[in-house]
């Protein structure tokens, strides 16, 4: 058992031990270690006749209150995310798990057509990436504070931290706090019931679960994934 205030590595660059597909028992094709980095290689992912989802979880341990730190980078037009309190048995982590959004804020909307999707949520400019869809947001719940946000360009490393306690959740990006909210509060419930999650009854309800990483069919790179129990 890990003492409080002690970091433990979920990925240290040497092994994918503990990691597996959501609802699966091994890593989906495409997730590999290259140069000590956990990466999703889209070519490898396409080569095999694999039918399952490609989102992955650290399935060796569940966490309730924690501080999670990791470093990541995306290619142009890339998209991913960090999940926590993941519970298996659903169609995918987004149905239940809050997500710290990772995306190419600058180029994503120019490369992908968002208008159909965003129109469903009453967006004023549906072609554009919405605040709730940008990097660092508590996806579709709490947008990042743009005055505190510094996002490094595609191809460069960024660092993200999620602090979760029942009193307060914080999202950090490159050393600055960009999101803060109280989980399960009246305000939280109101947000949950007024948009993307109004038809997802179990979204955000679990108080413990796995840490997960999202495959969104683009290459992605992670390193130094570590967690501290609070």
C-alpha atoms as a PDB file:
ATOM      1  CA  UNK A   1       0.000   0.000   0.000  1.00  0.00           C
ATOM      2  CA  UNK A   2       1.208   3.486  -0.823  1.00  0.00           C
ATOM      3  CA  UNK A   3       1.716   5.990   1.938  1.00  0.00           C
ATOM      4  CA  UNK A   4      -0.174   9.242   1.575  1.00  0.00           C
ATOM      5  CA  UNK A   5       1.818  12.060  -0.017  1.00  0.00           C
ATOM      6  CA  UNK A   6       3.840   9.555  -1.997  1.00  0.00           C
ATOM      7  CA  UNK A   7       3.889   9.505  -5.804  1.00  0.00           C
ATOM      8  CA  UNK A   8       3.481   6.204  -7.566  1.00  0.00           C
ATOM      9  CA  UNK A   9       4.099   5.790 -11.284  1.00  0.00           C
ATOM     10  CA  UNK A  10       1.286   4.444 -13.445  1.00  0.00           C
ATOM     11  CA  UNK A  11       3.672   4.711 -16.391  1.00  0.00           C
ATOM     12  CA  UNK A  12       7.417   5.281 -15.965  1.00  0.00           C
ATOM     13  CA  UNK A  13       8.618   4.695 -19.515  1.00  0.00           C
ATOM     14  CA  UNK A  14       9.625   1.066 -19.119  1.00  0.00           C
ATOM     15  CA  UNK A  15       6.467  -1.050 -18.972  1.00  0.00           C
ATOM     16  CA  UNK A  16       2.761  -0.997 -19.794  1.00  0.00           C
ATOM     17  CA  UNK A  17       2.042  -3.344 -16.898  1.00  0.00           C
ATOM     18  CA  UNK A  18      -1.373  -2.586 -15.388  1.00  0.00           C
ATOM     19  CA  UNK A  19      -2.713  -0.962 -18.556  1.00  0.00           C
ATOM     20  CA  UNK A  20      -5.440  -2.597 -20.649  1.00  0.00           C
ATOM     21  CA  UNK A  21      -8.411  -1.802 -22.838  1.00  0.00           C
ATOM     22  CA  UNK A  22     -11.567  -0.471 -21.229  1.00  0.00           C
ATOM     23  CA  UNK A  23     -13.791  -3.574 -20.853  1.00  0.00           C
ATOM     24  CA  UNK A  24     -10.832  -5.636 -22.078  1.00  0.00           C
ATOM     25  CA  UNK A  25      -8.013  -7.735 -20.708  1.00  0.00           C
ATOM     26  CA  UNK A  26      -5.046  -6.537 -22.768  1.00  0.00           C
ATOM     27  CA  UNK A  27      -3.851  -3.385 -24.514  1.00  0.00           C
ATOM     28  CA  UNK A  28      -5.559  -2.695 -27.855  1.00  0.00           C
ATOM     29  CA  UNK A  29      -3.263  -2.794 -30.900  1.00  0.00           C
ATOM     30  CA  UNK A  30      -1.595   0.570 -31.472  1.00  0.00           C
ATOM     31  CA  UNK A  31      -0.755   1.350 -27.837  1.00  0.00           C
ATOM     32  CA  UNK A  32       2.997   0.807 -27.490  1.00  0.00           C
ATOM     33  CA  UNK A  33       6.106   2.184 -25.791  1.00  0.00           C
ATOM     34  CA  UNK A  34       8.441   4.086 -28.115  1.00  0.00           C
ATOM     35  CA  UNK A  35      11.484   5.935 -26.773  1.00  0.00           C
ATOM     36  CA  UNK A  36      10.148   5.556 -23.209  1.00  0.00           C
ATOM     37  CA  UNK A  37       6.866   7.223 -24.217  1.00  0.00           C
ATOM     38  CA  UNK A  38       3.416   5.609 -24.136  1.00  0.00           C
ATOM     39  CA  UNK A  39       2.055   6.261 -27.593  1.00  0.00           C
ATOM     40  CA  UNK A  40      -0.910   5.407 -29.736  1.00  0.00           C
ATOM     41  CA  UNK A  41       0.433   4.457 -33.154  1.00  0.00           C
ATOM     42  CA  UNK A  42      -2.473   4.833 -35.598  1.00  0.00           C
ATOM     43  CA  UNK A  43      -0.844   2.623 -38.255  1.00  0.00           C
ATOM     44  CA  UNK A  44      -0.388  -0.255 -35.830  1.00  0.00           C
ATOM     45  CA  UNK A  45      -3.917   0.302 -34.589  1.00  0.00           C
ATOM     46  CA  UNK A  46      -5.360  -0.065 -38.083  1.00  0.00           C
ATOM     47  CA  UNK A  47      -3.360  -3.113 -39.087  1.00  0.00           C
ATOM     48  CA  UNK A  48      -5.242  -5.603 -36.962  1.00  0.00           C
ATOM     49  CA  UNK A  49      -8.816  -6.732 -37.172  1.00  0.00           C
ATOM     50  CA  UNK A  50      -9.620  -5.462 -33.685  1.00  0.00           C
ATOM     51  CA  UNK A  51     -13.256  -4.748 -32.892  1.00  0.00           C
ATOM     52  CA  UNK A  52     -13.074  -3.410 -29.330  1.00  0.00           C
ATOM     53  CA  UNK A  53     -12.674   0.156 -28.119  1.00  0.00           C
ATOM     54  CA  UNK A  54      -9.206   1.669 -27.990  1.00  0.00           C
ATOM     55  CA  UNK A  55      -9.583   3.722 -24.806  1.00  0.00           C
ATOM     56  CA  UNK A  56      -7.276   2.330 -22.135  1.00  0.00           C
ATOM     57  CA  UNK A  57      -7.311   2.219 -18.352  1.00  0.00           C
ATOM     58  CA  UNK A  58      -4.788   1.591 -15.635  1.00  0.00           C
ATOM     59  CA  UNK A  59      -6.647  -1.443 -14.344  1.00  0.00           C
ATOM     60  CA  UNK A  60      -4.368  -2.432 -11.478  1.00  0.00           C
ATOM     61  CA  UNK A  61      -5.885  -0.081  -8.920  1.00  0.00           C
ATOM     62  CA  UNK A  62      -8.884   2.193  -8.361  1.00  0.00           C
ATOM     63  CA  UNK A  63      -8.508   5.695  -6.968  1.00  0.00           C
ATOM     64  CA  UNK A  64     -10.978   7.937  -5.154  1.00  0.00           C
ATOM     65  CA  UNK A  65      -9.197  11.142  -4.026  1.00  0.00           C
ATOM     66  CA  UNK A  66      -5.921  11.820  -5.781  1.00  0.00           C
ATOM     67  CA  UNK A  67      -3.483  14.129  -7.496  1.00  0.00           C
ATOM     68  CA  UNK A  68      -2.634  12.870 -10.990  1.00  0.00           C
ATOM     69  CA  UNK A  69       0.234  14.301 -13.017  1.00  0.00           C
ATOM     70  CA  UNK A  70       1.222  13.496 -16.583  1.00  0.00           C
ATOM     71  CA  UNK A  71       2.918  14.956 -19.633  1.00  0.00           C
ATOM     72  CA  UNK A  72       1.426  14.699 -23.124  1.00  0.00           C
ATOM     73  CA  UNK A  73       1.672  15.964 -26.658  1.00  0.00           C
ATOM     74  CA  UNK A  74      -0.596  15.829 -29.684  1.00  0.00           C
ATOM     75  CA  UNK A  75      -0.147  16.105 -33.442  1.00  0.00           C
ATOM     76  CA  UNK A  76      -1.942  18.669 -35.597  1.00  0.00           C
ATOM     77  CA  UNK A  77      -5.673  18.028 -35.334  1.00  0.00           C
ATOM     78  CA  UNK A  78      -5.147  15.612 -32.451  1.00  0.00           C
ATOM     79  CA  UNK A  79      -7.666  14.793 -29.731  1.00  0.00           C
ATOM     80  CA  UNK A  80      -7.512  12.736 -26.536  1.00  0.00           C
ATOM     81  CA  UNK A  81      -8.441  13.014 -22.889  1.00  0.00           C
ATOM     82  CA  UNK A  82      -7.758  11.870 -19.350  1.00  0.00           C
ATOM     83  CA  UNK A  83     -10.534  10.008 -17.513  1.00  0.00           C
ATOM     84  CA  UNK A  84     -10.909   9.240 -13.821  1.00  0.00           C
ATOM     85  CA  UNK A  85     -13.430   7.362 -11.643  1.00  0.00           C
ATOM     86  CA  UNK A  86     -13.829   5.045 -14.630  1.00  0.00           C
ATOM     87  CA  UNK A  87     -16.287   2.193 -14.159  1.00  0.00           C
ATOM     88  CA  UNK A  88     -16.366  -0.634 -16.688  1.00  0.00           C
ATOM     89  CA  UNK A  89     -19.396  -2.249 -18.293  1.00  0.00           C
ATOM     90  CA  UNK A  90     -20.586   0.780 -20.272  1.00  0.00           C
ATOM     91  CA  UNK A  91     -20.186   1.584 -23.966  1.00  0.00           C
ATOM     92  CA  UNK A  92     -17.121   3.676 -23.129  1.00  0.00           C
ATOM     93  CA  UNK A  93     -15.569   5.830 -20.390  1.00  0.00           C
ATOM     94  CA  UNK A  94     -17.316   9.067 -21.507  1.00  0.00           C
ATOM     95  CA  UNK A  95     -20.701   7.687 -20.416  1.00  0.00           C
ATOM     96  CA  UNK A  96     -19.593   7.712 -16.782  1.00  0.00           C
ATOM     97  CA  UNK A  97     -16.233   9.374 -16.353  1.00  0.00           C
ATOM     98  CA  UNK A  98     -15.334  13.036 -16.087  1.00  0.00           C
ATOM     99  CA  UNK A  99     -12.709  13.956 -18.687  1.00  0.00           C
ATOM    100  CA  UNK A 100      -9.827  16.397 -18.671  1.00  0.00           C
ATOM    101  CA  UNK A 101      -9.902  17.370 -22.337  1.00  0.00           C
ATOM    102  CA  UNK A 102      -6.770  17.231 -24.521  1.00  0.00           C
ATOM    103  CA  UNK A 103      -7.113  18.620 -28.040  1.00  0.00           C
ATOM    104  CA  UNK A 104      -5.369  20.741 -30.653  1.00  0.00           C
ATOM    105  CA  UNK A 105      -7.243  23.960 -29.795  1.00  0.00           C
ATOM    106  CA  UNK A 106      -5.737  25.813 -32.720  1.00  0.00           C
ATOM    107  CA  UNK A 107      -6.306  23.498 -35.682  1.00  0.00           C
ATOM    108  CA  UNK A 108      -8.951  20.964 -34.703  1.00  0.00           C
ATOM    109  CA  UNK A 109     -12.003  22.786 -36.076  1.00  0.00           C
ATOM    110  CA  UNK A 110     -10.271  23.538 -39.377  1.00  0.00           C
ATOM    111  CA  UNK A 111      -9.584  19.829 -39.914  1.00  0.00           C
ATOM    112  CA  UNK A 112     -12.757  18.260 -38.484  1.00  0.00           C
ATOM    113  CA  UNK A 113     -16.348  19.278 -39.224  1.00  0.00           C
ATOM    114  CA  UNK A 114     -17.931  20.083 -35.850  1.00  0.00           C
ATOM    115  CA  UNK A 115     -21.049  21.874 -37.043  1.00  0.00           C
ATOM    116  CA  UNK A 116     -23.467  18.934 -36.966  1.00  0.00           C
ATOM    117  CA  UNK A 117     -22.351  17.813 -33.540  1.00  0.00           C
ATOM    118  CA  UNK A 118     -22.211  21.272 -31.984  1.00  0.00           C
ATOM    119  CA  UNK A 119     -25.568  22.316 -33.434  1.00  0.00           C
ATOM    120  CA  UNK A 120     -27.190  19.712 -31.208  1.00  0.00           C
ATOM    121  CA  UNK A 121     -26.042  21.735 -28.202  1.00  0.00           C
ATOM    122  CA  UNK A 122     -27.285  25.095 -29.454  1.00  0.00           C
ATOM    123  CA  UNK A 123     -23.837  26.504 -30.268  1.00  0.00           C
ATOM    124  CA  UNK A 124     -23.787  30.056 -31.682  1.00  0.00           C
ATOM    125  CA  UNK A 125     -20.812  29.227 -33.927  1.00  0.00           C
ATOM    126  CA  UNK A 126     -21.116  25.458 -34.333  1.00  0.00           C
ATOM    127  CA  UNK A 127     -18.162  25.213 -36.735  1.00  0.00           C
ATOM    128  CA  UNK A 128     -15.778  26.369 -34.015  1.00  0.00           C
ATOM    129  CA  UNK A 129     -14.364  24.459 -31.084  1.00  0.00           C
ATOM    130  CA  UNK A 130     -16.525  25.428 -28.093  1.00  0.00           C
ATOM    131  CA  UNK A 131     -15.013  26.535 -24.763  1.00  0.00           C
ATOM    132  CA  UNK A 132     -16.245  23.297 -23.180  1.00  0.00           C
ATOM    133  CA  UNK A 133     -14.361  21.313 -25.853  1.00  0.00           C
ATOM    134  CA  UNK A 134     -10.976  22.979 -25.470  1.00  0.00           C
ATOM    135  CA  UNK A 135      -7.861  21.662 -23.757  1.00  0.00           C
ATOM    136  CA  UNK A 136      -7.997  21.640 -19.985  1.00  0.00           C
ATOM    137  CA  UNK A 137     -11.788  21.824 -19.780  1.00  0.00           C
ATOM    138  CA  UNK A 138     -13.721  19.441 -17.581  1.00  0.00           C
ATOM    139  CA  UNK A 139     -15.253  18.231 -20.834  1.00  0.00           C
ATOM    140  CA  UNK A 140     -18.764  19.542 -21.505  1.00  0.00           C
ATOM    141  CA  UNK A 141     -18.981  20.806 -17.909  1.00  0.00           C
ATOM    142  CA  UNK A 142     -16.434  23.434 -16.864  1.00  0.00           C
ATOM    143  CA  UNK A 143     -14.374  25.386 -19.437  1.00  0.00           C
ATOM    144  CA  UNK A 144     -10.779  26.344 -18.729  1.00  0.00           C
ATOM    145  CA  UNK A 145      -9.975  29.873 -17.557  1.00  0.00           C
ATOM    146  CA  UNK A 146      -8.421  31.341 -20.698  1.00  0.00           C
ATOM    147  CA  UNK A 147      -6.634  34.074 -18.720  1.00  0.00           C
ATOM    148  CA  UNK A 148      -4.582  31.416 -16.892  1.00  0.00           C
ATOM    149  CA  UNK A 149      -4.101  29.022 -19.774  1.00  0.00           C
ATOM    150  CA  UNK A 150      -0.853  28.531 -21.672  1.00  0.00           C
ATOM    151  CA  UNK A 151      -1.007  25.703 -24.192  1.00  0.00           C
ATOM    152  CA  UNK A 152       2.185  24.716 -25.971  1.00  0.00           C
ATOM    153  CA  UNK A 153       1.918  24.256 -29.753  1.00  0.00           C
ATOM    154  CA  UNK A 154       1.274  20.849 -31.312  1.00  0.00           C
ATOM    155  CA  UNK A 155       4.284  18.547 -31.172  1.00  0.00           C
ATOM    156  CA  UNK A 156       5.512  20.102 -27.910  1.00  0.00           C
ATOM    157  CA  UNK A 157       5.078  18.597 -24.456  1.00  0.00           C
ATOM    158  CA  UNK A 158       2.484  19.918 -22.021  1.00  0.00           C
ATOM    159  CA  UNK A 159       1.992  18.969 -18.383  1.00  0.00           C
ATOM    160  CA  UNK A 160      -1.406  18.394 -16.795  1.00  0.00           C
ATOM    161  CA  UNK A 161      -2.510  17.831 -13.218  1.00  0.00           C
ATOM    162  CA  UNK A 162      -5.898  16.770 -11.892  1.00  0.00           C
ATOM    163  CA  UNK A 163      -6.580  17.137  -8.167  1.00  0.00           C
ATOM    164  CA  UNK A 164      -9.740  15.399  -7.002  1.00  0.00           C
ATOM    165  CA  UNK A 165     -11.328  15.686  -3.567  1.00  0.00           C
ATOM    166  CA  UNK A 166     -15.069  15.835  -2.724  1.00  0.00           C
ATOM    167  CA  UNK A 167     -14.514  19.445  -1.576  1.00  0.00           C
ATOM    168  CA  UNK A 168     -12.805  20.622  -4.761  1.00  0.00           C
ATOM    169  CA  UNK A 169     -11.557  19.511  -8.148  1.00  0.00           C
ATOM    170  CA  UNK A 170      -8.712  21.345  -9.873  1.00  0.00           C
ATOM    171  CA  UNK A 171      -7.308  21.133 -13.402  1.00  0.00           C
ATOM    172  CA  UNK A 172      -3.801  22.464 -13.970  1.00  0.00           C
ATOM    173  CA  UNK A 173      -2.030  23.023 -17.286  1.00  0.00           C
ATOM    174  CA  UNK A 174       1.673  23.818 -17.541  1.00  0.00           C
ATOM    175  CA  UNK A 175       1.840  24.906 -13.915  1.00  0.00           C
ATOM    176  CA  UNK A 176      -1.268  27.098 -13.811  1.00  0.00           C
ATOM    177  CA  UNK A 177      -4.691  26.339 -12.373  1.00  0.00           C
ATOM    178  CA  UNK A 178      -7.287  26.645 -15.124  1.00  0.00           C
ATOM    179  CA  UNK A 179     -10.386  24.918 -13.686  1.00  0.00           C
ATOM    180  CA  UNK A 180     -11.861  24.631 -10.213  1.00  0.00           C
ATOM    181  CA  UNK A 181     -15.259  23.240  -9.204  1.00  0.00           C
ATOM    182  CA  UNK A 182     -17.097  21.404  -6.441  1.00  0.00           C
ATOM    183  CA  UNK A 183     -18.134  17.922  -7.591  1.00  0.00           C
ATOM    184  CA  UNK A 184     -21.743  16.816  -7.042  1.00  0.00           C
ATOM    185  CA  UNK A 185     -22.723  20.323  -5.892  1.00  0.00           C
ATOM    186  CA  UNK A 186     -25.982  21.992  -6.911  1.00  0.00           C
ATOM    187  CA  UNK A 187     -24.124  23.917  -9.603  1.00  0.00           C
ATOM    188  CA  UNK A 188     -22.490  20.696 -10.824  1.00  0.00           C
ATOM    189  CA  UNK A 189     -25.868  18.899 -10.998  1.00  0.00           C
ATOM    190  CA  UNK A 190     -27.357  21.792 -12.943  1.00  0.00           C
ATOM    191  CA  UNK A 191     -24.533  21.675 -15.498  1.00  0.00           C
ATOM    192  CA  UNK A 192     -24.802  17.895 -15.758  1.00  0.00           C
ATOM    193  CA  UNK A 193     -28.525  18.053 -16.480  1.00  0.00           C
ATOM    194  CA  UNK A 194     -28.450  20.846 -19.044  1.00  0.00           C
ATOM    195  CA  UNK A 195     -26.327  19.696 -21.953  1.00  0.00           C
ATOM    196  CA  UNK A 196     -24.204  16.826 -23.099  1.00  0.00           C
ATOM    197  CA  UNK A 197     -24.919  14.574 -20.105  1.00  0.00           C
ATOM    198  CA  UNK A 198     -28.659  14.981 -19.616  1.00  0.00           C
ATOM    199  CA  UNK A 199     -29.157  11.514 -21.153  1.00  0.00           C
ATOM    200  CA  UNK A 200     -26.228   9.934 -19.333  1.00  0.00           C
ATOM    201  CA  UNK A 201     -27.699   9.114 -15.905  1.00  0.00           C
ATOM    202  CA  UNK A 202     -24.480   7.639 -14.510  1.00  0.00           C
ATOM    203  CA  UNK A 203     -22.117  10.384 -15.684  1.00  0.00           C
ATOM    204  CA  UNK A 204     -19.860  11.529 -12.832  1.00  0.00           C
ATOM    205  CA  UNK A 205     -21.689   9.595 -10.145  1.00  0.00           C
ATOM    206  CA  UNK A 206     -18.946   7.172  -9.138  1.00  0.00           C
ATOM    207  CA  UNK A 207     -16.701   8.228  -6.293  1.00  0.00           C
ATOM    208  CA  UNK A 208     -13.896   5.815  -7.118  1.00  0.00           C
ATOM    209  CA  UNK A 209     -12.616   4.077 -10.227  1.00  0.00           C
ATOM    210  CA  UNK A 210      -9.817   3.660 -12.731  1.00  0.00           C
ATOM    211  CA  UNK A 211      -7.677   6.264 -14.477  1.00  0.00           C
ATOM    212  CA  UNK A 212      -8.096   6.155 -18.268  1.00  0.00           C
ATOM    213  CA  UNK A 213      -6.678   7.631 -21.463  1.00  0.00           C
ATOM    214  CA  UNK A 214      -8.704   8.280 -24.587  1.00  0.00           C
ATOM    215  CA  UNK A 215      -7.925   7.145 -28.098  1.00  0.00           C
ATOM    216  CA  UNK A 216      -9.557   9.474 -30.585  1.00  0.00           C
ATOM    217  CA  UNK A 217      -7.982   7.941 -33.718  1.00  0.00           C
ATOM    218  CA  UNK A 218      -5.030  10.313 -33.717  1.00  0.00           C
ATOM    219  CA  UNK A 219      -1.444   9.718 -32.619  1.00  0.00           C
ATOM    220  CA  UNK A 220      -0.785  10.763 -29.023  1.00  0.00           C
ATOM    221  CA  UNK A 221       2.125  10.638 -26.612  1.00  0.00           C
ATOM    222  CA  UNK A 222       2.179  10.340 -22.809  1.00  0.00           C
ATOM    223  CA  UNK A 223       5.032  10.176 -20.304  1.00  0.00           C
ATOM    224  CA  UNK A 224       5.647  10.512 -16.549  1.00  0.00           C
ATOM    225  CA  UNK A 225       2.165   9.403 -15.502  1.00  0.00           C
ATOM    226  CA  UNK A 226       2.132   9.450 -11.714  1.00  0.00           C
ATOM    227  CA  UNK A 227      -0.434   9.645  -8.948  1.00  0.00           C
ATOM    228  CA  UNK A 228      -0.582  10.551  -5.301  1.00  0.00           C
ATOM    229  CA  UNK A 229      -3.447   9.470  -3.025  1.00  0.00           C
ATOM    230  CA  UNK A 230      -5.051  12.281  -1.060  1.00  0.00           C
END
